[in-house]
Amino acid sequence: MGKGKVDRREWIKKMMGDYLGLVAALLVLVIIFGVAADNFFSVVTFRTIANQIPDTTIVAVGMTFVLIIAGIDLSVGSVMALASAVLGICLVNWDWPLPPAIGAGLLVGLLCGGLNGLFVIRWRLPSFIVTLGMLEAARGATYLVTNSRTVYIGGPIEVVTDTAILGLSLPFVIAMVIVIVGQLVLSRTVFGRYLVAIGTNEEAVRLSGIDPRRYKLAVFILCGVLTAIAAVIQTARMSSANPNTAIGFELQAIAAVVIGGTSLMGGRGSVMRSFFGVLIIAVLGTGLAQVGAQDPTKRLITGCVIVAAVVLDQYRRRAR
């Protein structure tokens, strides 16, 4: 009984150590911008942040799983644009009902993620190279599908963002459900433990009789599907499918995950911490916009925050 209390106490201590720094950083940003900007502490500001983060949050969940197995997915922005384009074409050009059109968009994400995973495990290619190729291929396919023109959708897709559950927008609820499920899968299931083991030492996992290839394939497929879900949400928010959308989005997702403490070397990460990383970037971007910072300044400051997060992560790893 005494041992159980000690273990529980150690677990609580570890949890507080893992999240305390992120919560403190978030609170500091909120206080700074609350003082510097006249209208930061307002319902409109926080509603704007809540409406902006669902797509980034969902992609960040998928990216967390990929980074944990020591991989990376640079194609998420282009895959998001392609899924959005297919969704728009199905609704506008082919007059499909919304459910099958969304299904077509999700299928795009599944196929792109599956191809990424297949090339990585079949030919043992670095995921950096494979997903960089998919980044270009999916973007090119997007331009072909849309004839390089924005597809204006309007009403048929706006129902996604207009729907509310308990006063919260449907996209926000979907994102929170995915975060909770993702955290539970990663921390409470055998599948999650295997992913951490693969990222830590793939050869040891293979020698123990577990084939890591199917788990790596599953992770890339999962990332592709989550990216397509994010594409549906983004398309609904914009009421259109723009072939130029989400350019550089992969960097934003990776930045959020890295700020959340997931290791670029694999073997360590947390979906919930990645969500805090998304919040920090969203608050930082909104706050800088309200104080009148120009886009180059916002990029400079965000880049410095990312580098600082990586440096702090290295110190934390050495301390452990």
C-alpha atoms as a PDB file:
ATOM      1  CA  MET A   1       0.000   0.000   0.000  1.00  0.00           C
ATOM      2  CA  GLY A   2       2.830   2.338   0.915  1.00  0.00           C
ATOM      3  CA  LYS A   3       4.580   1.514  -2.350  1.00  0.00           C
ATOM      4  CA  GLY A   4       1.410   2.328  -4.279  1.00  0.00           C
ATOM      5  CA  LYS A   5       1.211   5.738  -2.626  1.00  0.00           C
ATOM      6  CA  VAL A   6       4.861   6.410  -3.456  1.00  0.00           C
ATOM      7  CA  ASP A   7       4.338   5.375  -7.089  1.00  0.00           C
ATOM      8  CA  ARG A   8       1.280   7.593  -7.327  1.00  0.00           C
ATOM      9  CA  ARG A   9       3.154  10.488  -5.785  1.00  0.00           C
ATOM     10  CA  GLU A  10       6.033  10.016  -8.232  1.00  0.00           C
ATOM     11  CA  TRP A  11       3.582   9.886 -11.151  1.00  0.00           C
ATOM     12  CA  ILE A  12       1.919  13.125 -10.034  1.00  0.00           C
ATOM     13  CA  LYS A  13       5.320  14.753  -9.601  1.00  0.00           C
ATOM     14  CA  LYS A  14       6.369  13.672 -13.104  1.00  0.00           C
ATOM     15  CA  MET A  15       3.117  14.940 -14.624  1.00  0.00           C
ATOM     16  CA  MET A  16       3.513  18.327 -12.951  1.00  0.00           C
ATOM     17  CA  GLY A  17       7.104  18.539 -14.157  1.00  0.00           C
ATOM     18  CA  ASP A  18       6.070  17.673 -17.708  1.00  0.00           C
ATOM     19  CA  TYR A  19       3.290  20.266 -17.966  1.00  0.00           C
ATOM     20  CA  LEU A  20       4.288  22.988 -15.528  1.00  0.00           C
ATOM     21  CA  GLY A  21       6.772  24.628 -17.891  1.00  0.00           C
ATOM     22  CA  LEU A  22       4.311  24.701 -20.795  1.00  0.00           C
ATOM     23  CA  VAL A  23       1.478  26.061 -18.655  1.00  0.00           C
ATOM     24  CA  ALA A  24       3.808  28.702 -17.216  1.00  0.00           C
ATOM     25  CA  ALA A  25       4.971  29.746 -20.704  1.00  0.00           C
ATOM     26  CA  LEU A  26       1.370  29.992 -21.881  1.00  0.00           C
ATOM     27  CA  LEU A  27       0.343  32.084 -18.881  1.00  0.00           C
ATOM     28  CA  VAL A  28       3.326  34.415 -19.346  1.00  0.00           C
ATOM     29  CA  LEU A  29       2.347  35.014 -22.980  1.00  0.00           C
ATOM     30  CA  VAL A  30      -1.274  35.671 -22.022  1.00  0.00           C
ATOM     31  CA  ILE A  31      -0.220  38.167 -19.342  1.00  0.00           C
ATOM     32  CA  ILE A  32       2.281  39.953 -21.600  1.00  0.00           C
ATOM     33  CA  PHE A  33      -0.184  40.378 -24.465  1.00  0.00           C
ATOM     34  CA  GLY A  34      -2.995  41.187 -22.035  1.00  0.00           C
ATOM     35  CA  VAL A  35      -0.936  44.173 -20.857  1.00  0.00           C
ATOM     36  CA  ALA A  36       0.496  45.153 -24.260  1.00  0.00           C
ATOM     37  CA  ALA A  37      -2.701  44.858 -26.316  1.00  0.00           C
ATOM     38  CA  ASP A  38      -5.894  46.683 -25.416  1.00  0.00           C
ATOM     39  CA  ASN A  39      -8.339  44.020 -26.589  1.00  0.00           C
ATOM     40  CA  PHE A  40      -6.456  40.786 -25.929  1.00  0.00           C
ATOM     41  CA  PHE A  41      -8.527  39.897 -22.849  1.00  0.00           C
ATOM     42  CA  SER A  42     -11.828  39.595 -24.700  1.00  0.00           C
ATOM     43  CA  VAL A  43     -14.280  36.914 -25.720  1.00  0.00           C
ATOM     44  CA  VAL A  44     -13.620  37.719 -29.376  1.00  0.00           C
ATOM     45  CA  THR A  45      -9.883  37.055 -29.035  1.00  0.00           C
ATOM     46  CA  PHE A  46     -10.265  33.719 -27.290  1.00  0.00           C
ATOM     47  CA  ARG A  47     -13.038  32.684 -29.662  1.00  0.00           C
ATOM     48  CA  THR A  48     -10.746  33.528 -32.580  1.00  0.00           C
ATOM     49  CA  ILE A  49      -7.969  31.388 -31.124  1.00  0.00           C
ATOM     50  CA  ALA A  50     -10.413  28.519 -30.500  1.00  0.00           C
ATOM     51  CA  ASN A  51     -11.591  28.692 -34.120  1.00  0.00           C
ATOM     52  CA  GLN A  52      -8.045  28.788 -35.486  1.00  0.00           C
ATOM     53  CA  ILE A  53      -6.492  25.847 -33.645  1.00  0.00           C
ATOM     54  CA  PRO A  54      -8.615  22.770 -34.531  1.00  0.00           C
ATOM     55  CA  ASP A  55      -6.920  21.967 -37.859  1.00  0.00           C
ATOM     56  CA  THR A  56      -3.421  22.593 -36.472  1.00  0.00           C
ATOM     57  CA  THR A  57      -4.225  20.550 -33.373  1.00  0.00           C
ATOM     58  CA  ILE A  58      -5.422  17.554 -35.356  1.00  0.00           C
ATOM     59  CA  VAL A  59      -2.377  17.541 -37.640  1.00  0.00           C
ATOM     60  CA  ALA A  60      -0.119  17.985 -34.599  1.00  0.00           C
ATOM     61  CA  VAL A  61      -1.565  14.789 -33.103  1.00  0.00           C
ATOM     62  CA  GLY A  62      -0.601  12.846 -36.228  1.00  0.00           C
ATOM     63  CA  MET A  63       2.807  14.523 -36.343  1.00  0.00           C
ATOM     64  CA  THR A  64       3.428  13.563 -32.713  1.00  0.00           C
ATOM     65  CA  PHE A  65       2.973   9.884 -33.551  1.00  0.00           C
ATOM     66  CA  VAL A  66       5.288  10.193 -36.567  1.00  0.00           C
ATOM     67  CA  LEU A  67       8.045  11.953 -34.614  1.00  0.00           C
ATOM     68  CA  ILE A  68       7.809   9.412 -31.796  1.00  0.00           C
ATOM     69  CA  ILE A  69       8.837   6.621 -34.194  1.00  0.00           C
ATOM     70  CA  ALA A  70      11.792   8.823 -35.263  1.00  0.00           C
ATOM     71  CA  GLY A  71      10.116   9.810 -38.533  1.00  0.00           C
ATOM     72  CA  ILE A  72       8.853  13.070 -39.992  1.00  0.00           C
ATOM     73  CA  ASP A  73       6.076  14.026 -42.397  1.00  0.00           C
ATOM     74  CA  LEU A  74       6.744  17.089 -44.519  1.00  0.00           C
ATOM     75  CA  SER A  75       3.775  16.442 -46.801  1.00  0.00           C
ATOM     76  CA  VAL A  76       0.899  17.316 -44.454  1.00  0.00           C
ATOM     77  CA  GLY A  77       0.354  20.811 -45.925  1.00  0.00           C
ATOM     78  CA  SER A  78       0.133  19.546 -49.497  1.00  0.00           C
ATOM     79  CA  VAL A  79      -1.985  16.532 -48.517  1.00  0.00           C
ATOM     80  CA  MET A  80      -4.336  18.909 -46.720  1.00  0.00           C
ATOM     81  CA  ALA A  81      -4.648  21.020 -49.870  1.00  0.00           C
ATOM     82  CA  LEU A  82      -5.280  17.948 -52.047  1.00  0.00           C
ATOM     83  CA  ALA A  83      -7.932  16.540 -49.685  1.00  0.00           C
ATOM     84  CA  SER A  84      -9.590  19.957 -49.601  1.00  0.00           C
ATOM     85  CA  ALA A  85      -9.519  20.170 -53.410  1.00  0.00           C
ATOM     86  CA  VAL A  86     -11.097  16.727 -53.830  1.00  0.00           C
ATOM     87  CA  LEU A  87     -13.757  17.620 -51.260  1.00  0.00           C
ATOM     88  CA  GLY A  88     -14.533  20.848 -53.112  1.00  0.00           C
ATOM     89  CA  ILE A  89     -14.701  19.191 -56.541  1.00  0.00           C
ATOM     90  CA  CYS A  90     -17.031  16.475 -55.216  1.00  0.00           C
ATOM     91  CA  LEU A  91     -19.401  19.059 -53.731  1.00  0.00           C
ATOM     92  CA  VAL A  92     -19.361  21.708 -56.468  1.00  0.00           C
ATOM     93  CA  ASN A  93     -18.552  19.962 -59.759  1.00  0.00           C
ATOM     94  CA  TRP A  94     -20.069  16.551 -59.094  1.00  0.00           C
ATOM     95  CA  ASP A  95     -22.936  17.591 -56.761  1.00  0.00           C
ATOM     96  CA  TRP A  96     -22.151  14.894 -54.210  1.00  0.00           C
ATOM     97  CA  PRO A  97     -23.857  15.007 -50.801  1.00  0.00           C
ATOM     98  CA  LEU A  98     -21.609  16.129 -47.959  1.00  0.00           C
ATOM     99  CA  PRO A  99     -20.945  12.721 -46.277  1.00  0.00           C
ATOM    100  CA  PRO A 100     -19.540  10.926 -49.356  1.00  0.00           C
ATOM    101  CA  ALA A 101     -17.600  14.061 -50.333  1.00  0.00           C
ATOM    102  CA  ILE A 102     -15.973  14.092 -46.900  1.00  0.00           C
ATOM    103  CA  GLY A 103     -15.310  10.372 -47.335  1.00  0.00           C
ATOM    104  CA  ALA A 104     -13.495  11.089 -50.601  1.00  0.00           C
ATOM    105  CA  GLY A 105     -11.326  13.692 -48.862  1.00  0.00           C
ATOM    106  CA  LEU A 106     -10.487  11.250 -46.059  1.00  0.00           C
ATOM    107  CA  LEU A 107      -9.617   8.602 -48.639  1.00  0.00           C
ATOM    108  CA  VAL A 108      -7.087  11.017 -50.166  1.00  0.00           C
ATOM    109  CA  GLY A 109      -5.407  11.391 -46.788  1.00  0.00           C
ATOM    110  CA  LEU A 110      -5.394   7.634 -46.226  1.00  0.00           C
ATOM    111  CA  LEU A 111      -3.835   6.930 -49.635  1.00  0.00           C
ATOM    112  CA  CYS A 112      -1.163   9.627 -49.287  1.00  0.00           C
ATOM    113  CA  GLY A 113      -0.265   8.475 -45.789  1.00  0.00           C
ATOM    114  CA  GLY A 114      -0.234   4.864 -46.929  1.00  0.00           C
ATOM    115  CA  LEU A 115       2.100   5.668 -49.831  1.00  0.00           C
ATOM    116  CA  ASN A 116       4.433   7.539 -47.494  1.00  0.00           C
ATOM    117  CA  GLY A 117       4.563   4.621 -45.104  1.00  0.00           C
ATOM    118  CA  LEU A 118       4.901   2.038 -47.875  1.00  0.00           C
ATOM    119  CA  PHE A 119       7.917   3.723 -49.446  1.00  0.00           C
ATOM    120  CA  VAL A 120       9.539   4.226 -46.041  1.00  0.00           C
ATOM    121  CA  ILE A 121       9.225   0.592 -44.925  1.00  0.00           C
ATOM    122  CA  ARG A 122       9.485  -1.201 -48.287  1.00  0.00           C
ATOM    123  CA  TRP A 123      12.682   0.451 -49.484  1.00  0.00           C
ATOM    124  CA  ARG A 124      13.902   1.672 -46.076  1.00  0.00           C
ATOM    125  CA  LEU A 125      14.063   5.236 -47.292  1.00  0.00           C
ATOM    126  CA  PRO A 126      14.348   8.204 -44.920  1.00  0.00           C
ATOM    127  CA  SER A 127      10.887   9.594 -44.213  1.00  0.00           C
ATOM    128  CA  PHE A 128      12.309  13.078 -44.805  1.00  0.00           C
ATOM    129  CA  ILE A 129      12.989  12.255 -48.474  1.00  0.00           C
ATOM    130  CA  VAL A 130       9.767  10.306 -49.056  1.00  0.00           C
ATOM    131  CA  THR A 131       7.473  12.936 -47.566  1.00  0.00           C
ATOM    132  CA  LEU A 132       9.372  15.724 -49.298  1.00  0.00           C
ATOM    133  CA  GLY A 133       8.534  13.982 -52.574  1.00  0.00           C
ATOM    134  CA  MET A 134       4.901  13.628 -51.500  1.00  0.00           C
ATOM    135  CA  LEU A 135       4.867  17.339 -50.636  1.00  0.00           C
ATOM    136  CA  GLU A 136       5.619  18.184 -54.272  1.00  0.00           C
ATOM    137  CA  ALA A 137       3.465  15.420 -55.787  1.00  0.00           C
ATOM    138  CA  ALA A 138       0.356  16.222 -53.726  1.00  0.00           C
ATOM    139  CA  ARG A 139       0.686  19.953 -54.402  1.00  0.00           C
ATOM    140  CA  GLY A 140       1.023  19.301 -58.133  1.00  0.00           C
ATOM    141  CA  ALA A 141      -2.021  17.019 -58.039  1.00  0.00           C
ATOM    142  CA  THR A 142      -3.946  19.766 -56.240  1.00  0.00           C
ATOM    143  CA  TYR A 143      -3.210  22.253 -59.021  1.00  0.00           C
ATOM    144  CA  LEU A 144      -4.266  19.683 -61.633  1.00  0.00           C
ATOM    145  CA  VAL A 145      -7.522  18.821 -59.871  1.00  0.00           C
ATOM    146  CA  THR A 146      -8.539  22.465 -59.431  1.00  0.00           C
ATOM    147  CA  ASN A 147      -6.983  23.828 -62.640  1.00  0.00           C
ATOM    148  CA  SER A 148      -5.050  26.139 -60.280  1.00  0.00           C
ATOM    149  CA  ARG A 149      -8.289  27.908 -59.337  1.00  0.00           C
ATOM    150  CA  THR A 150     -10.038  28.311 -56.019  1.00  0.00           C
ATOM    151  CA  VAL A 151     -13.202  26.201 -55.704  1.00  0.00           C
ATOM    152  CA  TYR A 152     -15.873  28.245 -53.904  1.00  0.00           C
ATOM    153  CA  ILE A 153     -18.203  25.959 -51.954  1.00  0.00           C
ATOM    154  CA  GLY A 154     -20.304  28.051 -49.583  1.00  0.00           C
ATOM    155  CA  GLY A 155     -23.337  26.593 -47.848  1.00  0.00           C
ATOM    156  CA  PRO A 156     -22.858  22.828 -48.300  1.00  0.00           C
ATOM    157  CA  ILE A 157     -19.665  22.785 -46.200  1.00  0.00           C
ATOM    158  CA  GLU A 158     -20.421  25.602 -43.751  1.00  0.00           C
ATOM    159  CA  VAL A 159     -22.643  23.279 -41.704  1.00  0.00           C
ATOM    160  CA  VAL A 160     -19.430  21.835 -40.228  1.00  0.00           C
ATOM    161  CA  THR A 161     -18.434  25.119 -38.586  1.00  0.00           C
ATOM    162  CA  ASP A 162     -21.997  26.303 -37.898  1.00  0.00           C
ATOM    163  CA  THR A 163     -22.790  23.252 -35.749  1.00  0.00           C
ATOM    164  CA  ALA A 164     -22.194  23.684 -32.009  1.00  0.00           C
ATOM    165  CA  ILE A 165     -22.121  21.201 -29.125  1.00  0.00           C
ATOM    166  CA  LEU A 166     -22.691  22.605 -25.623  1.00  0.00           C
ATOM    167  CA  GLY A 167     -21.787  26.046 -26.936  1.00  0.00           C
ATOM    168  CA  LEU A 168     -18.515  24.835 -28.481  1.00  0.00           C
ATOM    169  CA  SER A 169     -17.953  24.669 -32.236  1.00  0.00           C
ATOM    170  CA  LEU A 170     -17.975  21.191 -33.772  1.00  0.00           C
ATOM    171  CA  PRO A 171     -14.377  21.489 -35.097  1.00  0.00           C
ATOM    172  CA  PHE A 172     -13.107  22.396 -31.607  1.00  0.00           C
ATOM    173  CA  VAL A 173     -14.956  19.445 -30.064  1.00  0.00           C
ATOM    174  CA  ILE A 174     -13.590  17.080 -32.729  1.00  0.00           C
ATOM    175  CA  ALA A 175     -10.055  18.343 -32.102  1.00  0.00           C
ATOM    176  CA  MET A 176     -10.354  17.870 -28.327  1.00  0.00           C
ATOM    177  CA  VAL A 177     -11.738  14.349 -28.750  1.00  0.00           C
ATOM    178  CA  ILE A 178      -8.837  13.448 -31.054  1.00  0.00           C
ATOM    179  CA  VAL A 179      -6.324  14.886 -28.557  1.00  0.00           C
ATOM    180  CA  ILE A 180      -7.788  12.869 -25.670  1.00  0.00           C
ATOM    181  CA  VAL A 181      -8.022   9.644 -27.664  1.00  0.00           C
ATOM    182  CA  GLY A 182      -4.516  10.152 -29.070  1.00  0.00           C
ATOM    183  CA  GLN A 183      -3.066  10.684 -25.588  1.00  0.00           C
ATOM    184  CA  LEU A 184      -4.815   7.578 -24.258  1.00  0.00           C
ATOM    185  CA  VAL A 185      -3.617   5.465 -27.186  1.00  0.00           C
ATOM    186  CA  LEU A 186      -0.056   6.672 -26.772  1.00  0.00           C
ATOM    187  CA  SER A 187       0.157   6.309 -23.001  1.00  0.00           C
ATOM    188  CA  ARG A 188      -2.285   3.505 -22.162  1.00  0.00           C
ATOM    189  CA  THR A 189      -2.116   0.940 -24.969  1.00  0.00           C
ATOM    190  CA  VAL A 190       0.326  -1.669 -26.190  1.00  0.00           C
ATOM    191  CA  PHE A 191       0.304   0.032 -29.588  1.00  0.00           C
ATOM    192  CA  GLY A 192       1.531   3.259 -28.019  1.00  0.00           C
ATOM    193  CA  ARG A 193       4.258   1.516 -26.038  1.00  0.00           C
ATOM    194  CA  TYR A 194       5.477  -0.213 -29.193  1.00  0.00           C
ATOM    195  CA  LEU A 195       5.711   3.139 -30.983  1.00  0.00           C
ATOM    196  CA  VAL A 196       7.867   4.568 -28.198  1.00  0.00           C
ATOM    197  CA  ALA A 197      10.039   1.452 -28.307  1.00  0.00           C
ATOM    198  CA  ILE A 198      10.454   1.720 -32.091  1.00  0.00           C
ATOM    199  CA  GLY A 199      11.517   5.335 -31.796  1.00  0.00           C
ATOM    200  CA  THR A 200      13.950   4.492 -29.003  1.00  0.00           C
ATOM    201  CA  ASN A 201      15.587   1.429 -30.578  1.00  0.00           C
ATOM    202  CA  GLU A 202      13.968  -0.099 -33.647  1.00  0.00           C
ATOM    203  CA  GLU A 203      16.530  -2.878 -33.938  1.00  0.00           C
ATOM    204  CA  ALA A 204      15.858  -4.021 -30.382  1.00  0.00           C
ATOM    205  CA  VAL A 205      12.133  -4.159 -31.161  1.00  0.00           C
ATOM    206  CA  ARG A 206      12.841  -6.263 -34.252  1.00  0.00           C
ATOM    207  CA  LEU A 207      15.089  -8.663 -32.315  1.00  0.00           C
ATOM    208  CA  SER A 208      12.360  -9.108 -29.703  1.00  0.00           C
ATOM    209  CA  GLY A 209      10.126 -10.642 -32.389  1.00  0.00           C
ATOM    210  CA  ILE A 210       7.955  -7.608 -33.175  1.00  0.00           C
ATOM    211  CA  ASP A 211       7.771  -6.418 -36.773  1.00  0.00           C
ATOM    212  CA  PRO A 212       8.043  -2.597 -36.599  1.00  0.00           C
ATOM    213  CA  ARG A 213       7.063  -2.136 -40.254  1.00  0.00           C
ATOM    214  CA  ARG A 214       3.329  -2.533 -39.771  1.00  0.00           C
ATOM    215  CA  TYR A 215       3.365  -0.104 -36.860  1.00  0.00           C
ATOM    216  CA  LYS A 216       5.275   2.480 -38.893  1.00  0.00           C
ATOM    217  CA  LEU A 217       2.845   2.027 -41.792  1.00  0.00           C
ATOM    218  CA  ALA A 218      -0.096   2.472 -39.408  1.00  0.00           C
ATOM    219  CA  VAL A 219       1.396   5.699 -38.055  1.00  0.00           C
ATOM    220  CA  PHE A 220       1.839   7.272 -41.499  1.00  0.00           C
ATOM    221  CA  ILE A 221      -1.699   6.239 -42.477  1.00  0.00           C
ATOM    222  CA  LEU A 222      -3.005   7.730 -39.225  1.00  0.00           C
ATOM    223  CA  CYS A 223      -1.183  10.992 -39.917  1.00  0.00           C
ATOM    224  CA  GLY A 224      -2.639  11.107 -43.437  1.00  0.00           C
ATOM    225  CA  VAL A 225      -6.208  10.532 -42.229  1.00  0.00           C
ATOM    226  CA  LEU A 226      -5.896  13.124 -39.466  1.00  0.00           C
ATOM    227  CA  THR A 227      -4.521  15.590 -42.018  1.00  0.00           C
ATOM    228  CA  ALA A 228      -7.582  14.980 -44.197  1.00  0.00           C
ATOM    229  CA  ILE A 229      -9.888  15.588 -41.216  1.00  0.00           C
ATOM    230  CA  ALA A 230      -8.070  18.870 -40.636  1.00  0.00           C
ATOM    231  CA  ALA A 231      -8.565  19.672 -44.341  1.00  0.00           C
ATOM    232  CA  VAL A 232     -12.336  19.270 -43.964  1.00  0.00           C
ATOM    233  CA  ILE A 233     -12.336  21.673 -41.019  1.00  0.00           C
ATOM    234  CA  GLN A 234     -10.145  24.219 -42.783  1.00  0.00           C
ATOM    235  CA  THR A 235     -12.272  24.025 -45.946  1.00  0.00           C
ATOM    236  CA  ALA A 236     -15.427  24.588 -43.884  1.00  0.00           C
ATOM    237  CA  ARG A 237     -13.882  27.605 -42.160  1.00  0.00           C
ATOM    238  CA  MET A 238     -12.808  29.165 -45.471  1.00  0.00           C
ATOM    239  CA  SER A 239     -15.945  28.005 -47.382  1.00  0.00           C
ATOM    240  CA  SER A 240     -13.628  27.198 -50.280  1.00  0.00           C
ATOM    241  CA  ALA A 241     -10.812  24.960 -51.484  1.00  0.00           C
ATOM    242  CA  ASN A 242      -7.753  27.006 -52.410  1.00  0.00           C
ATOM    243  CA  PRO A 243      -4.933  25.115 -54.201  1.00  0.00           C
ATOM    244  CA  ASN A 244      -2.412  27.399 -52.465  1.00  0.00           C
ATOM    245  CA  THR A 245      -3.735  26.693 -48.986  1.00  0.00           C
ATOM    246  CA  ALA A 246      -1.564  25.246 -46.193  1.00  0.00           C
ATOM    247  CA  ILE A 247       1.774  26.085 -47.860  1.00  0.00           C
ATOM    248  CA  GLY A 248       4.314  25.764 -45.051  1.00  0.00           C
ATOM    249  CA  PHE A 249       1.695  24.233 -42.743  1.00  0.00           C
ATOM    250  CA  GLU A 250       3.998  21.297 -42.025  1.00  0.00           C
ATOM    251  CA  LEU A 251       6.471  23.660 -40.349  1.00  0.00           C
ATOM    252  CA  GLN A 252       3.751  25.032 -38.092  1.00  0.00           C
ATOM    253  CA  ALA A 253       2.675  21.533 -37.046  1.00  0.00           C
ATOM    254  CA  ILE A 254       6.247  20.372 -36.419  1.00  0.00           C
ATOM    255  CA  ALA A 255       6.974  23.556 -34.447  1.00  0.00           C
ATOM    256  CA  ALA A 256       3.968  22.966 -32.169  1.00  0.00           C
ATOM    257  CA  VAL A 257       4.990  19.368 -31.522  1.00  0.00           C
ATOM    258  CA  VAL A 258       8.622  20.305 -30.830  1.00  0.00           C
ATOM    259  CA  ILE A 259       7.593  23.130 -28.486  1.00  0.00           C
ATOM    260  CA  GLY A 260       5.455  20.522 -26.722  1.00  0.00           C
ATOM    261  CA  GLY A 261       8.602  18.521 -25.988  1.00  0.00           C
ATOM    262  CA  THR A 262       8.370  15.657 -28.472  1.00  0.00           C
ATOM    263  CA  SER A 263      11.887  14.590 -29.425  1.00  0.00           C
ATOM    264  CA  LEU A 264      12.992  14.912 -33.045  1.00  0.00           C
ATOM    265  CA  MET A 265      15.161  11.838 -32.387  1.00  0.00           C
ATOM    266  CA  GLY A 266      12.124   9.703 -31.543  1.00  0.00           C
ATOM    267  CA  GLY A 267      11.147   7.670 -28.514  1.00  0.00           C
ATOM    268  CA  ARG A 268       9.554  10.441 -26.467  1.00  0.00           C
ATOM    269  CA  GLY A 269       6.505  12.618 -26.834  1.00  0.00           C
ATOM    270  CA  SER A 270       3.015  13.467 -25.643  1.00  0.00           C
ATOM    271  CA  VAL A 271      -0.127  14.366 -27.554  1.00  0.00           C
ATOM    272  CA  MET A 272      -1.357  16.579 -24.734  1.00  0.00           C
ATOM    273  CA  ARG A 273       1.934  18.456 -24.626  1.00  0.00           C
ATOM    274  CA  SER A 274       1.706  18.950 -28.400  1.00  0.00           C
ATOM    275  CA  PHE A 275      -1.706  20.541 -27.835  1.00  0.00           C
ATOM    276  CA  PHE A 276      -0.086  23.008 -25.432  1.00  0.00           C
ATOM    277  CA  GLY A 277       2.486  23.704 -28.154  1.00  0.00           C
ATOM    278  CA  VAL A 278      -0.348  24.541 -30.548  1.00  0.00           C
ATOM    279  CA  LEU A 279      -1.869  26.882 -27.956  1.00  0.00           C
ATOM    280  CA  ILE A 280       1.459  28.663 -27.396  1.00  0.00           C
ATOM    281  CA  ILE A 281       1.939  29.272 -31.124  1.00  0.00           C
ATOM    282  CA  ALA A 282      -1.687  30.415 -31.534  1.00  0.00           C
ATOM    283  CA  VAL A 283      -1.505  32.830 -28.588  1.00  0.00           C
ATOM    284  CA  LEU A 284       1.872  34.093 -29.783  1.00  0.00           C
ATOM    285  CA  GLY A 285       0.585  34.735 -33.315  1.00  0.00           C
ATOM    286  CA  THR A 286      -2.644  36.399 -32.178  1.00  0.00           C
ATOM    287  CA  GLY A 287      -0.905  38.527 -29.567  1.00  0.00           C
ATOM    288  CA  LEU A 288       1.779  39.721 -31.966  1.00  0.00           C
ATOM    289  CA  ALA A 289      -0.896  40.633 -34.513  1.00  0.00           C
ATOM    290  CA  GLN A 290      -2.796  42.676 -31.921  1.00  0.00           C
ATOM    291  CA  VAL A 291       0.281  44.637 -30.884  1.00  0.00           C
ATOM    292  CA  GLY A 292       0.879  45.522 -34.528  1.00  0.00           C
ATOM    293  CA  ALA A 293       3.873  43.288 -35.289  1.00  0.00           C
ATOM    294  CA  GLN A 294       4.557  42.863 -39.011  1.00  0.00           C
ATOM    295  CA  ASP A 295       4.721  39.384 -40.563  1.00  0.00           C
ATOM    296  CA  PRO A 296       8.567  39.314 -40.744  1.00  0.00           C
ATOM    297  CA  THR A 297       8.720  40.193 -37.053  1.00  0.00           C
ATOM    298  CA  LYS A 298       6.212  37.479 -36.181  1.00  0.00           C
ATOM    299  CA  ARG A 299       8.231  34.914 -38.131  1.00  0.00           C
ATOM    300  CA  LEU A 300      11.446  36.002 -36.414  1.00  0.00           C
ATOM    301  CA  ILE A 301       9.973  35.758 -32.922  1.00  0.00           C
ATOM    302  CA  THR A 302       8.244  32.432 -33.606  1.00  0.00           C
ATOM    303  CA  GLY A 303      11.480  30.992 -34.986  1.00  0.00           C
ATOM    304  CA  CYS A 304      13.384  32.090 -31.883  1.00  0.00           C
ATOM    305  CA  VAL A 305      10.738  30.449 -29.664  1.00  0.00           C
ATOM    306  CA  ILE A 306      11.096  27.176 -31.576  1.00  0.00           C
ATOM    307  CA  VAL A 307      14.885  27.178 -31.294  1.00  0.00           C
ATOM    308  CA  ALA A 308      14.645  28.007 -27.588  1.00  0.00           C
ATOM    309  CA  ALA A 309      12.239  25.087 -27.091  1.00  0.00           C
ATOM    310  CA  VAL A 310      14.658  22.675 -28.774  1.00  0.00           C
ATOM    311  CA  VAL A 311      17.602  23.963 -26.702  1.00  0.00           C
ATOM    312  CA  LEU A 312      15.617  23.594 -23.476  1.00  0.00           C
ATOM    313  CA  ASP A 313      14.600  20.093 -24.536  1.00  0.00           C
ATOM    314  CA  GLN A 314      18.261  19.135 -24.966  1.00  0.00           C
ATOM    315  CA  TYR A 315      19.110  20.417 -21.478  1.00  0.00           C
ATOM    316  CA  ARG A 316      16.142  18.497 -20.060  1.00  0.00           C
ATOM    317  CA  ARG A 317      17.282  15.279 -21.747  1.00  0.00           C
ATOM    318  CA  ARG A 318      20.802  15.661 -20.375  1.00  0.00           C
ATOM    319  CA  ALA A 319      19.460  16.333 -16.897  1.00  0.00           C
ATOM    320  CA  ARG A 320      17.421  13.139 -17.024  1.00  0.00           C
END
